[in-house]
All heavy atoms as atom14 arrays in JSON, in Angstrom:
{
  "sequence": "DAFLAGLELDAGREPETRKTVMADLETVHGSAF",
  "atom14_mask": [
    [1, 1, 1, 1, 1, 1, 1, 1, 0, 0, 0, 0, 0, 0],
    [1, 1, 1, 1, 1, 0, 0, 0, 0, 0, 0, 0, 0, 0],
    [1, 1, 1, 1, 1, 1, 1, 1, 1, 1, 1, 0, 0, 0],
    [1, 1, 1, 1, 1, 1, 1, 1, 0, 0, 0, 0, 0, 0],
    [1, 1, 1, 1, 1, 0, 0, 0, 0, 0, 0, 0, 0, 0],
    [1, 1, 1, 1, 0, 0, 0, 0, 0, 0, 0, 0, 0, 0],
    [1, 1, 1, 1, 1, 1, 1, 1, 0, 0, 0, 0, 0, 0],
    [1, 1, 1, 1, 1, 1, 1, 1, 1, 0, 0, 0, 0, 0],
    [1, 1, 1, 1, 1, 1, 1, 1, 0, 0, 0, 0, 0, 0],
    [1, 1, 1, 1, 1, 1, 1, 1, 0, 0, 0, 0, 0, 0],
    [1, 1, 1, 1, 1, 0, 0, 0, 0, 0, 0, 0, 0, 0],
    [1, 1, 1, 1, 0, 0, 0, 0, 0, 0, 0, 0, 0, 0],
    [1, 1, 1, 1, 1, 1, 1, 1, 1, 1, 1, 0, 0, 0],
    [1, 1, 1, 1, 1, 1, 1, 1, 1, 0, 0, 0, 0, 0],
    [1, 1, 1, 1, 1, 1, 1, 0, 0, 0, 0, 0, 0, 0],
    [1, 1, 1, 1, 1, 1, 1, 1, 1, 0, 0, 0, 0, 0],
    [1, 1, 1, 1, 1, 1, 1, 0, 0, 0, 0, 0, 0, 0],
    [1, 1, 1, 1, 1, 1, 1, 1, 1, 1, 1, 0, 0, 0],
    [1, 1, 1, 1, 1, 1, 1, 1, 1, 0, 0, 0, 0, 0],
    [1, 1, 1, 1, 1, 1, 1, 0, 0, 0, 0, 0, 0, 0],
    [1, 1, 1, 1, 1, 1, 1, 0, 0, 0, 0, 0, 0, 0],
    [1, 1, 1, 1, 1, 1, 1, 1, 0, 0, 0, 0, 0, 0],
    [1, 1, 1, 1, 1, 0, 0, 0, 0, 0, 0, 0, 0, 0],
    [1, 1, 1, 1, 1, 1, 1, 1, 0, 0, 0, 0, 0, 0],
    [1, 1, 1, 1, 1, 1, 1, 1, 0, 0, 0, 0, 0, 0],
    [1, 1, 1, 1, 1, 1, 1, 1, 1, 0, 0, 0, 0, 0],
    [1, 1, 1, 1, 1, 1, 1, 0, 0, 0, 0, 0, 0, 0],
    [1, 1, 1, 1, 1, 1, 1, 0, 0, 0, 0, 0, 0, 0],
    [1, 1, 1, 1, 1, 1, 1, 1, 1, 1, 0, 0, 0, 0],
    [1, 1, 1, 1, 0, 0, 0, 0, 0, 0, 0, 0, 0, 0],
    [1, 1, 1, 1, 1, 1, 0, 0, 0, 0, 0, 0, 0, 0],
    [1, 1, 1, 1, 1, 0, 0, 0, 0, 0, 0, 0, 0, 0],
    [1, 1, 1, 1, 1, 1, 1, 1, 1, 1, 1, 0, 0, 0]
  ],
  "atom14_positions": [
    [[-4.48, 2.69, -15.2], [-5.28, 2.33, -14.05], [-4.75, 0.91, -13.54], [-4.57, 0.69, -12.32], [-6.73, 2.09, -14.51], [-7.48, 3.45, -14.48], [-7.0, 4.39, -13.94], [-8.6, 3.47, -15.25], [0.0, 0.0, 0.0], [0.0, 0.0, 0.0], [0.0, 0.0, 0.0], [0.0, 0.0, 0.0], [0.0, 0.0, 0.0], [0.0, 0.0, 0.0]],
    [[-4.44, 0.02, -14.37], [-3.97, -1.22, -13.97], [-2.6, -1.14, -13.25], [-2.28, -1.81, -12.29], [-3.9, -2.24, -15.2], [0.0, 0.0, 0.0], [0.0, 0.0, 0.0], [0.0, 0.0, 0.0], [0.0, 0.0, 0.0], [0.0, 0.0, 0.0], [0.0, 0.0, 0.0], [0.0, 0.0, 0.0], [0.0, 0.0, 0.0], [0.0, 0.0, 0.0]],
    [[-1.79, -0.3, -13.77], [-0.49, 0.05, -13.17], [-0.57, 0.55, -11.78], [0.01, 0.11, -10.81], [0.26, 0.98, -14.07], [1.54, 1.38, -13.53], [2.79, 0.63, -13.77], [1.86, 2.7, -12.92], [4.01, 1.01, -13.18], [3.03, 3.09, -12.49], [4.14, 2.18, -12.61], [0.0, 0.0, 0.0], [0.0, 0.0, 0.0], [0.0, 0.0, 0.0]],
    [[-1.44, 1.55, -11.57], [-1.59, 2.09, -10.26], [-2.32, 0.97, -9.28], [-1.86, 1.06, -8.14], [-2.41, 3.4, -10.37], [-1.91, 4.58, -10.94], [-2.86, 5.76, -11.03], [-0.52, 5.02, -10.28], [0.0, 0.0, 0.0], [0.0, 0.0, 0.0], [0.0, 0.0, 0.0], [0.0, 0.0, 0.0], [0.0, 0.0, 0.0], [0.0, 0.0, 0.0]],
    [[-3.16, 0.3, -9.83], [-3.85, -0.62, -9.01], [-2.74, -1.74, -8.47], [-2.93, -2.14, -7.36], [-5.01, -1.44, -9.75], [0.0, 0.0, 0.0], [0.0, 0.0, 0.0], [0.0, 0.0, 0.0], [0.0, 0.0, 0.0], [0.0, 0.0, 0.0], [0.0, 0.0, 0.0], [0.0, 0.0, 0.0], [0.0, 0.0, 0.0], [0.0, 0.0, 0.0]],
    [[-1.92, -2.11, -9.31], [-0.85, -3.09, -8.96], [0.12, -2.58, -7.89], [0.67, -3.38, -7.1], [0.0, 0.0, 0.0], [0.0, 0.0, 0.0], [0.0, 0.0, 0.0], [0.0, 0.0, 0.0], [0.0, 0.0, 0.0], [0.0, 0.0, 0.0], [0.0, 0.0, 0.0], [0.0, 0.0, 0.0], [0.0, 0.0, 0.0], [0.0, 0.0, 0.0]],
    [[0.14, -1.25, -7.73], [1.13, -0.68, -6.73], [0.41, -0.58, -5.41], [1.06, -0.28, -4.37], [1.56, 0.81, -7.08], [2.48, 0.8, -8.4], [2.68, 2.32, -8.81], [3.7, 0.1, -8.13], [0.0, 0.0, 0.0], [0.0, 0.0, 0.0], [0.0, 0.0, 0.0], [0.0, 0.0, 0.0], [0.0, 0.0, 0.0], [0.0, 0.0, 0.0]],
    [[-0.91, -0.77, -5.33], [-1.63, -0.81, -4.06], [-1.39, 0.51, -3.25], [-1.13, 0.43, -2.04], [-1.32, -2.08, -3.2], [-1.59, -3.31, -3.96], [-1.37, -4.54, -3.04], [-0.66, -4.51, -2.12], [-1.9, -5.63, -3.44], [0.0, 0.0, 0.0], [0.0, 0.0, 0.0], [0.0, 0.0, 0.0], [0.0, 0.0, 0.0], [0.0, 0.0, 0.0]],
    [[-1.5, 1.53, -3.95], [-1.39, 2.88, -3.19], [-2.79, 3.29, -2.57], [-3.87, 2.8, -2.85], [-1.05, 3.98, -4.31], [0.3, 3.73, -5.04], [0.42, 4.78, -6.2], [1.45, 3.69, -4.04], [0.0, 0.0, 0.0], [0.0, 0.0, 0.0], [0.0, 0.0, 0.0], [0.0, 0.0, 0.0], [0.0, 0.0, 0.0], [0.0, 0.0, 0.0]],
    [[-2.6, 4.28, -1.79], [-3.9, 4.83, -1.04], [-4.65, 5.6, -2.14], [-4.13, 6.07, -3.11], [-3.6, 5.82, 0.01], [-2.76, 5.14, 1.1], [-3.05, 3.89, 1.41], [-2.06, 5.82, 1.95], [0.0, 0.0, 0.0], [0.0, 0.0, 0.0], [0.0, 0.0, 0.0], [0.0, 0.0, 0.0], [0.0, 0.0, 0.0], [0.0, 0.0, 0.0]],
    [[-5.96, 5.58, -1.89], [-6.91, 6.36, -2.76], [-6.69, 7.82, -2.7], [-6.21, 8.32, -1.64], [-8.32, 5.99, -2.4], [0.0, 0.0, 0.0], [0.0, 0.0, 0.0], [0.0, 0.0, 0.0], [0.0, 0.0, 0.0], [0.0, 0.0, 0.0], [0.0, 0.0, 0.0], [0.0, 0.0, 0.0], [0.0, 0.0, 0.0], [0.0, 0.0, 0.0]],
    [[-6.83, 8.56, -3.79], [-6.62, 9.98, -3.77], [-7.61, 10.68, -4.57], [-8.71, 10.09, -4.96], [0.0, 0.0, 0.0], [0.0, 0.0, 0.0], [0.0, 0.0, 0.0], [0.0, 0.0, 0.0], [0.0, 0.0, 0.0], [0.0, 0.0, 0.0], [0.0, 0.0, 0.0], [0.0, 0.0, 0.0], [0.0, 0.0, 0.0], [0.0, 0.0, 0.0]],
    [[-7.45, 11.95, -4.67], [-8.47, 12.72, -5.44], [-7.72, 13.97, -6.06], [-6.69, 14.35, -5.72], [-9.51, 13.3, -4.48], [-9.08, 14.26, -3.42], [-10.17, 14.77, -2.62], [-9.73, 15.68, -1.58], [-10.51, 16.35, -0.75], [-11.8, 16.08, -0.78], [-10.02, 17.21, 0.18], [0.0, 0.0, 0.0], [0.0, 0.0, 0.0], [0.0, 0.0, 0.0]],
    [[-8.36, 14.46, -7.12], [-7.81, 15.62, -7.85], [-7.69, 16.75, -7.07], [-8.74, 17.01, -6.24], [-8.53, 15.85, -9.11], [-7.9, 16.9, -10.01], [-8.51, 16.98, -11.41], [-8.87, 15.77, -11.96], [-8.47, 17.96, -12.01], [0.0, 0.0, 0.0], [0.0, 0.0, 0.0], [0.0, 0.0, 0.0], [0.0, 0.0, 0.0], [0.0, 0.0, 0.0]],
    [[-6.68, 17.54, -6.92], [-6.72, 18.81, -6.19], [-7.78, 19.69, -6.38], [-8.1, 19.92, -7.69], [-5.24, 19.41, -6.43], [-4.49, 18.35, -6.79], [-5.48, 17.3, -7.63], [0.0, 0.0, 0.0], [0.0, 0.0, 0.0], [0.0, 0.0, 0.0], [0.0, 0.0, 0.0], [0.0, 0.0, 0.0], [0.0, 0.0, 0.0], [0.0, 0.0, 0.0]],
    [[-8.45, 20.33, -5.38], [-9.65, 20.98, -5.59], [-9.35, 22.26, -6.51], [-10.23, 22.75, -7.27], [-10.24, 21.48, -4.28], [-10.75, 20.32, -3.51], [-11.48, 20.72, -2.16], [-11.35, 21.99, -1.89], [-11.87, 19.92, -1.36], [0.0, 0.0, 0.0], [0.0, 0.0, 0.0], [0.0, 0.0, 0.0], [0.0, 0.0, 0.0], [0.0, 0.0, 0.0]],
    [[-8.26, 22.9, -6.31], [-8.0, 24.12, -7.11], [-7.18, 23.89, -8.35], [-6.86, 24.87, -9.06], [-7.14, 25.16, -6.2], [-5.9, 24.51, -5.85], [-7.92, 25.44, -4.91], [0.0, 0.0, 0.0], [0.0, 0.0, 0.0], [0.0, 0.0, 0.0], [0.0, 0.0, 0.0], [0.0, 0.0, 0.0], [0.0, 0.0, 0.0], [0.0, 0.0, 0.0]],
    [[-6.96, 22.67, -8.75], [-6.18, 22.41, -9.88], [-6.78, 23.04, -11.22], [-6.06, 23.61, -11.94], [-6.13, 20.84, -10.15], [-5.44, 20.48, -11.45], [-5.35, 18.89, -11.49], [-4.92, 18.45, -12.82], [-3.77, 18.59, -13.33], [-2.74, 19.08, -12.53], [-3.43, 18.21, -14.53], [0.0, 0.0, 0.0], [0.0, 0.0, 0.0], [0.0, 0.0, 0.0]],
    [[-8.07, 22.92, -11.34], [-8.66, 23.41, -12.69], [-8.56, 25.05, -12.64], [-8.29, 25.66, -13.67], [-10.05, 23.02, -12.87], [-10.21, 21.64, -13.2], [-11.71, 21.24, -13.54], [-11.76, 19.89, -14.02], [-11.26, 18.81, -13.3], [0.0, 0.0, 0.0], [0.0, 0.0, 0.0], [0.0, 0.0, 0.0], [0.0, 0.0, 0.0], [0.0, 0.0, 0.0]],
    [[-8.67, 25.59, -11.49], [-8.53, 27.12, -11.37], [-7.09, 27.52, -11.77], [-6.84, 28.51, -12.45], [-8.86, 27.57, -9.93], [-10.17, 27.27, -9.71], [-8.68, 29.09, -9.86], [0.0, 0.0, 0.0], [0.0, 0.0, 0.0], [0.0, 0.0, 0.0], [0.0, 0.0, 0.0], [0.0, 0.0, 0.0], [0.0, 0.0, 0.0], [0.0, 0.0, 0.0]],
    [[-6.1, 26.71, -11.23], [-4.67, 27.0, -11.45], [-4.37, 26.86, -12.89], [-3.67, 27.62, -13.54], [-3.76, 26.14, -10.6], [-2.36, 26.33, -10.91], [-3.92, 26.4, -9.19], [0.0, 0.0, 0.0], [0.0, 0.0, 0.0], [0.0, 0.0, 0.0], [0.0, 0.0, 0.0], [0.0, 0.0, 0.0], [0.0, 0.0, 0.0], [0.0, 0.0, 0.0]],
    [[-4.9, 25.8, -13.56], [-4.65, 25.54, -14.9], [-5.25, 26.64, -15.81], [-4.59, 27.11, -16.77], [-5.26, 24.19, -15.36], [-4.65, 22.97, -14.77], [-5.48, 21.46, -15.04], [-5.38, 21.29, -16.72], [0.0, 0.0, 0.0], [0.0, 0.0, 0.0], [0.0, 0.0, 0.0], [0.0, 0.0, 0.0], [0.0, 0.0, 0.0], [0.0, 0.0, 0.0]],
    [[-6.43, 27.18, -15.39], [-6.98, 28.26, -16.23], [-6.13, 29.48, -16.07], [-5.94, 30.35, -16.92], [-8.42, 28.61, -15.62], [0.0, 0.0, 0.0], [0.0, 0.0, 0.0], [0.0, 0.0, 0.0], [0.0, 0.0, 0.0], [0.0, 0.0, 0.0], [0.0, 0.0, 0.0], [0.0, 0.0, 0.0], [0.0, 0.0, 0.0], [0.0, 0.0, 0.0]],
    [[-5.58, 29.74, -14.9], [-4.75, 30.95, -14.58], [-3.48, 30.8, -15.49], [-2.95, 31.8, -16.15], [-4.25, 30.96, -13.08], [-5.38, 31.45, -12.16], [-6.39, 31.97, -12.73], [-5.12, 31.24, -10.99], [0.0, 0.0, 0.0], [0.0, 0.0, 0.0], [0.0, 0.0, 0.0], [0.0, 0.0, 0.0], [0.0, 0.0, 0.0], [0.0, 0.0, 0.0]],
    [[-2.99, 29.63, -15.57], [-1.7, 29.38, -16.35], [-1.95, 29.66, -17.84], [-1.15, 30.19, -18.56], [-1.2, 27.99, -16.15], [-0.38, 27.68, -14.85], [-0.01, 26.25, -14.79], [0.76, 28.53, -14.87], [0.0, 0.0, 0.0], [0.0, 0.0, 0.0], [0.0, 0.0, 0.0], [0.0, 0.0, 0.0], [0.0, 0.0, 0.0], [0.0, 0.0, 0.0]],
    [[-3.21, 29.05, -18.3], [-3.48, 29.45, -19.78], [-3.5, 30.86, -20.02], [-3.06, 31.29, -21.1], [-4.88, 28.82, -19.91], [-4.9, 27.26, -20.19], [-6.24, 26.66, -20.66], [-7.3, 27.15, -20.02], [-6.21, 25.87, -21.64], [0.0, 0.0, 0.0], [0.0, 0.0, 0.0], [0.0, 0.0, 0.0], [0.0, 0.0, 0.0], [0.0, 0.0, 0.0]],
    [[-4.04, 31.69, -19.12], [-4.09, 33.09, -19.33], [-2.67, 33.66, -19.29], [-2.35, 34.49, -20.26], [-4.95, 33.83, -18.22], [-6.26, 33.26, -18.26], [-4.85, 35.25, -18.42], [0.0, 0.0, 0.0], [0.0, 0.0, 0.0], [0.0, 0.0, 0.0], [0.0, 0.0, 0.0], [0.0, 0.0, 0.0], [0.0, 0.0, 0.0], [0.0, 0.0, 0.0]],
    [[-1.86, 33.34, -18.39], [-0.51, 33.81, -18.21], [0.26, 33.43, -19.46], [1.0, 34.27, -20.14], [0.16, 33.35, -16.94], [1.66, 33.7, -16.97], [-0.53, 33.95, -15.74], [0.0, 0.0, 0.0], [0.0, 0.0, 0.0], [0.0, 0.0, 0.0], [0.0, 0.0, 0.0], [0.0, 0.0, 0.0], [0.0, 0.0, 0.0], [0.0, 0.0, 0.0]],
    [[0.34, 32.16, -19.81], [1.07, 31.72, -20.86], [0.63, 32.12, -22.26], [1.34, 32.33, -23.22], [1.15, 30.12, -20.86], [2.01, 29.56, -19.76], [2.61, 28.28, -19.84], [2.28, 30.0, -18.6], [3.2, 28.07, -18.78], [2.99, 29.11, -17.9], [0.0, 0.0, 0.0], [0.0, 0.0, 0.0], [0.0, 0.0, 0.0], [0.0, 0.0, 0.0]],
    [[-0.75, 32.3, -22.34], [-1.26, 32.89, -23.51], [-0.89, 34.22, -23.82], [-0.54, 34.64, -25.03], [0.0, 0.0, 0.0], [0.0, 0.0, 0.0], [0.0, 0.0, 0.0], [0.0, 0.0, 0.0], [0.0, 0.0, 0.0], [0.0, 0.0, 0.0], [0.0, 0.0, 0.0], [0.0, 0.0, 0.0], [0.0, 0.0, 0.0], [0.0, 0.0, 0.0]],
    [[-0.85, 34.99, -22.79], [-0.41, 36.46, -22.9], [1.07, 36.49, -23.31], [1.46, 37.37, -24.17], [-0.64, 37.23, -21.67], [-2.05, 37.33, -21.33], [0.0, 0.0, 0.0], [0.0, 0.0, 0.0], [0.0, 0.0, 0.0], [0.0, 0.0, 0.0], [0.0, 0.0, 0.0], [0.0, 0.0, 0.0], [0.0, 0.0, 0.0], [0.0, 0.0, 0.0]],
    [[1.87, 35.63, -22.64], [3.24, 35.6, -23.09], [3.5, 35.12, -24.47], [4.41, 35.59, -25.23], [3.97, 34.57, -22.11], [0.0, 0.0, 0.0], [0.0, 0.0, 0.0], [0.0, 0.0, 0.0], [0.0, 0.0, 0.0], [0.0, 0.0, 0.0], [0.0, 0.0, 0.0], [0.0, 0.0, 0.0], [0.0, 0.0, 0.0], [0.0, 0.0, 0.0]],
    [[2.71, 34.19, -24.86], [2.88, 33.73, -26.39], [2.45, 34.92, -27.32], [3.14, 35.11, -28.39], [1.98, 32.62, -26.63], [1.89, 32.18, -28.14], [2.99, 31.65, -28.75], [0.74, 32.49, -28.94], [2.93, 31.4, -30.11], [0.74, 32.28, -30.17], [1.85, 31.76, -30.88], [0.0, 0.0, 0.0], [0.0, 0.0, 0.0], [0.0, 0.0, 0.0]]
  ]
}
C-alpha cells in the first residue's frame, strides 16, 4: 500500500468479472490436473 501510494497513481478498482474468471480457471485447471 505504501509503495503504491508513493507512486501517486490514479485510484482503481478490481475488475468486475475477475472472480468469475478465476472460478472458471479453477474449473478448467482442476479438470486438467
